[in-house]
Protein backbone atom coordinates (compact mmCIF):
# COMPACT_ATOMS: atom_id res chain seq x y z
CA MET A 1 18.77 -30.45 -3.95
CA MET A 2 17.71 -27.13 -3.43
CA LYS A 3 19.02 -24.92 -1.08
CA TYR A 4 15.83 -22.91 -0.29
CA GLU A 5 13.15 -24.09 -0.87
CA TYR A 6 10.53 -20.68 0.36
CA LEU A 7 11.79 -17.62 -1.16
CA LEU A 8 10.31 -14.71 0.04
CA PHE A 9 10.07 -11.78 -2.91
CA ASP A 10 9.60 -8.45 -2.31
CA ALA A 11 7.39 -6.91 -5.19
CA ASP A 12 8.65 -3.27 -5.73
CA ASP A 13 12.22 -2.69 -7.45
CA THR A 14 12.45 -6.41 -6.93
CA LEU A 15 9.68 -8.04 -9.44
CA PHE A 16 7.96 -4.97 -10.56
CA ASP A 17 9.33 -1.42 -12.23
CA PHE A 18 7.97 0.49 -9.21
CA PRO A 19 8.88 3.98 -10.91
CA LYS A 20 7.46 3.38 -14.25
CA ALA A 21 4.84 2.72 -12.69
CA SER A 22 4.45 5.33 -9.82
CA SER A 23 5.11 7.65 -12.68
CA GLN A 24 2.46 6.52 -15.69
CA ALA A 25 0.38 6.90 -12.38
CA PHE A 26 0.84 10.25 -11.60
CA GLU A 27 0.49 11.47 -15.27
CA THR A 28 -3.11 9.75 -14.90
CA MET A 29 -4.11 11.67 -12.03
CA CYS A 30 -2.97 14.47 -12.88
CA ARG A 31 -4.74 14.49 -16.35
CA THR A 32 -8.07 13.53 -13.85
CA HIS A 33 -7.55 16.72 -11.43
CA ASN A 34 -6.36 19.26 -14.14
CA ILE A 35 -2.97 19.50 -12.32
CA PRO A 36 0.21 20.37 -14.32
CA CYS A 37 2.31 17.37 -14.86
CA THR A 38 5.97 18.34 -15.82
CA PRO A 39 8.82 16.93 -15.09
CA GLU A 40 9.95 19.34 -11.56
CA VAL A 41 6.04 18.55 -10.58
CA TYR A 42 6.67 14.90 -10.27
CA ARG A 43 10.13 15.66 -8.56
CA LEU A 44 8.07 17.46 -6.15
CA TYR A 45 5.57 14.63 -5.37
CA HIS A 46 8.40 11.76 -5.67
CA GLU A 47 10.29 13.87 -3.18
CA ILE A 48 7.14 14.51 -0.59
CA ASN A 49 6.29 10.67 -1.08
CA LEU A 50 9.69 9.31 -0.59
CA GLU A 51 10.39 11.25 3.02
CA LEU A 52 6.76 10.02 4.34
CA TRP A 53 7.48 6.46 2.96
CA ALA A 54 10.98 6.40 5.20
CA ALA A 55 8.93 8.00 8.11
CA PHE A 56 6.32 4.80 7.83
CA ASP A 57 10.04 2.65 7.00
CA ARG A 58 11.01 3.94 10.68
CA GLY A 59 7.60 3.43 12.67
CA GLU A 60 6.79 6.70 12.54
CA LEU A 61 3.33 6.79 10.32
CA THR A 62 0.40 4.84 9.30
CA LYS A 63 0.25 3.55 5.72
CA GLU A 64 -2.73 5.44 5.84
CA PHE A 65 -1.67 8.67 7.14
CA VAL A 66 1.17 8.51 4.26
CA THR A 67 -1.04 7.72 1.26
CA LEU A 68 -3.12 10.91 2.34
CA GLU A 69 -1.07 13.27 3.48
CA ARG A 70 1.39 12.94 0.57
CA TYR A 71 -1.10 14.61 -1.35
CA VAL A 72 -1.83 17.23 1.31
CA ARG A 73 1.30 18.43 1.17
CA PHE A 74 2.17 18.14 -2.74
CA LEU A 75 -1.52 20.48 -3.52
CA LYS A 76 -0.13 22.97 -0.51
CA VAL A 77 3.12 23.51 -2.11
CA LEU A 78 1.81 23.66 -5.26
CA GLY A 79 -1.24 26.09 -4.00
CA LEU A 80 -4.15 24.44 -5.87
CA GLU A 81 -7.44 23.63 -4.49
CA ARG A 82 -8.28 19.69 -5.26
CA ASP A 83 -9.41 16.94 -3.02
CA PRO A 84 -6.38 15.20 -2.00
CA ALA A 85 -8.10 12.04 -1.03
CA ALA A 86 -9.54 12.27 -4.59
CA CYS A 87 -6.41 12.33 -5.89
CA ASN A 88 -4.66 9.72 -4.12
CA ARG A 89 -7.22 7.33 -5.14
CA ASP A 90 -7.50 8.03 -8.68
CA PHE A 91 -3.77 7.78 -8.15
CA LEU A 92 -4.00 4.14 -6.42
CA ALA A 93 -6.24 3.31 -9.18
CA ALA A 94 -4.32 3.77 -11.99
CA LEU A 95 -1.19 2.54 -10.00
CA GLY A 96 -2.94 -1.38 -9.46
CA LYS A 97 -2.78 -1.35 -13.16
CA GLY A 98 0.65 -0.38 -13.79
CA VAL A 99 2.07 -3.89 -14.45
CA TYR A 100 5.67 -3.72 -15.60
CA PRO A 101 8.14 -6.70 -14.71
CA LEU A 102 11.75 -6.01 -14.21
CA PRO A 103 13.90 -7.28 -16.81
CA HIS A 104 14.19 -11.17 -16.63
CA ALA A 105 12.13 -11.36 -13.78
CA GLU A 106 9.38 -13.52 -15.47
CA GLU A 107 12.02 -16.18 -16.59
CA VAL A 108 13.66 -16.56 -13.44
CA CYS A 109 10.70 -17.06 -11.48
CA ARG A 110 9.07 -19.38 -13.95
CA GLU A 111 12.61 -21.62 -13.82
CA LEU A 112 12.54 -21.46 -9.79
CA LYS A 113 9.00 -22.45 -10.37
CA ALA A 114 10.13 -25.23 -12.33
CA ARG A 115 12.27 -26.49 -10.01
CA GLY A 116 10.25 -26.66 -7.26
CA HIS A 117 10.82 -23.86 -4.86
CA ARG A 118 7.81 -22.32 -3.34
CA MET A 119 7.46 -18.55 -3.74
CA TYR A 120 5.66 -15.67 -2.12
CA ILE A 121 5.30 -12.16 -2.24
CA ILE A 122 6.52 -9.70 1.05
CA THR A 123 5.62 -6.76 0.60
CA ASN A 124 4.48 -3.06 2.51
CA ALA A 125 2.57 -1.99 -0.37
CA VAL A 126 -1.01 -0.86 -0.38
CA ALA A 127 -3.13 -3.94 -0.23
CA SER A 128 -5.66 -2.88 -3.08
CA VAL A 129 -2.97 -2.03 -5.22
CA GLN A 130 -0.61 -4.71 -4.61
CA ARG A 131 -3.65 -7.37 -4.93
CA SER A 132 -4.76 -5.48 -8.51
CA ARG A 133 -1.10 -5.85 -10.22
CA LEU A 134 -0.35 -9.08 -8.98
CA ARG A 135 -3.82 -10.24 -10.42
CA GLY A 136 -2.90 -8.76 -13.79
CA SER A 137 0.63 -10.26 -13.98
CA VAL A 138 2.09 -13.10 -14.83
CA PHE A 139 3.01 -13.70 -11.08
CA ALA A 140 -0.29 -14.46 -10.25
CA GLU A 141 0.28 -18.15 -11.55
CA LEU A 142 3.84 -18.36 -9.90
CA PHE A 143 3.31 -17.06 -6.39
CA GLU A 144 1.30 -19.08 -3.77
CA ALA A 145 0.62 -16.55 -1.84
CA ALA A 146 1.27 -12.80 -0.97
CA PHE A 147 1.46 -11.46 2.62
CA ILE A 148 0.86 -7.46 2.53
CA SER A 149 1.18 -5.42 5.95
CA GLU A 150 -2.28 -3.78 5.63
CA GLU A 151 -3.22 -7.25 6.12
CA ALA A 152 -1.06 -8.32 8.79
CA GLY A 153 -1.08 -5.97 11.11
CA ALA A 154 2.69 -5.44 10.91
CA ALA A 155 5.37 -4.26 8.23
CA LYS A 156 8.69 -4.90 7.00
CA PRO A 157 11.13 -4.87 8.55
CA ASN A 158 9.38 -5.58 11.99
CA LYS A 159 9.97 -9.05 13.04
CA ALA A 160 5.89 -9.15 14.00
CA TYR A 161 5.38 -9.18 10.29
CA PHE A 162 8.12 -11.97 9.66
CA ASP A 163 5.98 -13.92 12.75
CA TYR A 164 3.07 -13.73 10.78
CA VAL A 165 4.73 -15.07 7.57
CA ARG A 166 5.82 -17.73 9.65
CA ARG A 167 2.77 -18.70 11.28
CA GLN A 168 1.34 -18.53 7.48
CA LEU A 169 3.83 -21.23 6.27
CA PRO A 170 4.64 -23.84 8.88
CA GLY A 171 7.19 -25.87 7.02
CA MET A 172 8.90 -22.80 6.63
CA THR A 173 12.34 -22.74 9.19
CA ASP A 174 15.56 -20.82 9.63
CA GLU A 175 17.53 -22.50 7.22
CA ASN A 176 15.11 -23.12 4.02
CA ALA A 177 13.84 -20.13 3.48
CA LEU A 178 15.28 -16.84 1.77
CA VAL A 179 14.53 -13.39 1.62
CA ILE A 180 14.80 -11.72 -1.56
CA GLY A 181 14.73 -7.69 -1.92
CA ASP A 182 16.12 -4.58 -3.26
CA SER A 183 15.69 -2.01 -0.08
CA LEU A 184 17.92 -2.52 3.05
CA THR A 185 15.73 -0.60 5.57
CA THR A 186 12.81 -3.12 5.00
CA ASP A 187 14.14 -6.28 3.05
CA MET A 188 17.69 -6.61 4.72
CA GLN A 189 16.75 -5.24 7.82
CA GLY A 190 13.82 -7.78 8.25
CA ALA A 191 15.20 -10.42 7.60
CA ASN A 192 18.28 -9.73 10.06
CA ASN A 193 15.20 -8.91 12.58
CA ALA A 194 13.93 -12.31 11.94
CA GLY A 195 16.94 -14.51 12.20
CA LEU A 196 16.15 -15.00 7.90
CA PRO A 197 18.98 -15.41 5.16
CA CYS A 198 18.99 -12.94 2.65
CA CYS A 199 20.34 -11.92 -1.04
CA TRP A 200 20.03 -8.04 -1.75
CA VAL A 201 19.08 -7.07 -5.11
CA ASN A 202 21.64 -4.01 -5.93
CA PRO A 203 21.82 -3.54 -9.76
CA ALA A 204 23.12 0.03 -8.94
CA GLY A 205 26.34 -1.11 -6.90
CA LYS A 206 25.55 1.10 -3.09
CA ARG A 207 27.04 0.32 -0.08
CA GLN A 208 25.85 -0.96 3.15
CA GLU A 209 27.34 -1.43 6.82
CA GLY A 210 25.88 -3.09 9.42
CA LEU A 211 23.56 -5.47 7.94
CA ARG A 212 24.15 -9.07 7.79
CA ILE A 213 23.91 -9.84 4.00
CA ASP A 214 24.27 -13.22 2.50
CA TYR A 215 24.36 -12.86 -0.92
CA GLU A 216 24.21 -9.80 -3.05
CA ILE A 217 23.43 -10.11 -6.49
CA THR A 218 23.06 -7.10 -9.36
CA GLY A 219 20.16 -9.02 -11.45
CA LEU A 220 17.67 -11.99 -10.50
CA ARG A 221 18.98 -14.62 -12.99
CA GLU A 222 22.12 -14.42 -10.61
CA LEU A 223 19.65 -15.96 -8.11
CA LEU A 224 19.17 -18.87 -10.21
CA ASP A 225 23.04 -20.12 -9.05
CA ILE A 226 22.12 -19.36 -5.25
CA VAL A 227 18.87 -21.25 -4.10
C-alpha cells in the first residue's frame, strides 16, 4: 500500500536542470541584442537575478517586477543602451524551450506513475515559461496538472498557495500528500506552513536548521523507497 498518493513536485532543480536552461537562454538573448556573453557577464546577471528572486521569496517584490528589474539593473551595470523589456521577453521565450530533465527524473516519475501515484507540479516560475517547458517535456504525460503561483494568486512558501492547491485536489489530505523539492525557503518552508509532509532533495549535502524535514534525499531514485 502506498504511503503518499499525492506527490507535489517542485520543477526547477528538482525535475529540470534550470541552470543549464537559464545559461543557454541567456546566450540566446545576448546574441539577439548584441550583448557580450562571457562567464563574467553571466555571473553578473546571475547574482542580480538571485538577489531579486530572494526578495520575491520573502514576499517583498512581485514576479513582474523581478523579471524586468533584473535586466534594468544588469544593463545599467554594463552601461548598455538596450530595451530591458525586450531582453526579458526574448530570454523567457528561449527559456521556455529549454527542457533538460535532471538525471533519473524521467525514470523515477514513470515508475511512480506506474505504481498509481498522482503527481503534480508546484512552482513559482513564470507561467508562460513553465507551461511551454512542460508541454515540450516527457513529464507532460506523467503529471496530472501544474499549479503555478502566477495563476494561484499566491506563491510558495505562503500557506495561501497550498490552500489553492488543496482546493484543486479535494482528495488530498495532510497524511496522503508529500511535497518534494530542493528549496528550503520555498518548498520545505511552504510544506511546513501548510502542515504537509516534505522531502528535501539535497544532492549537495547542505545543512539546515529550524525546519521540519521529514525526508532528505540526495537523488530522486531514493524517493522510490519513501513513497
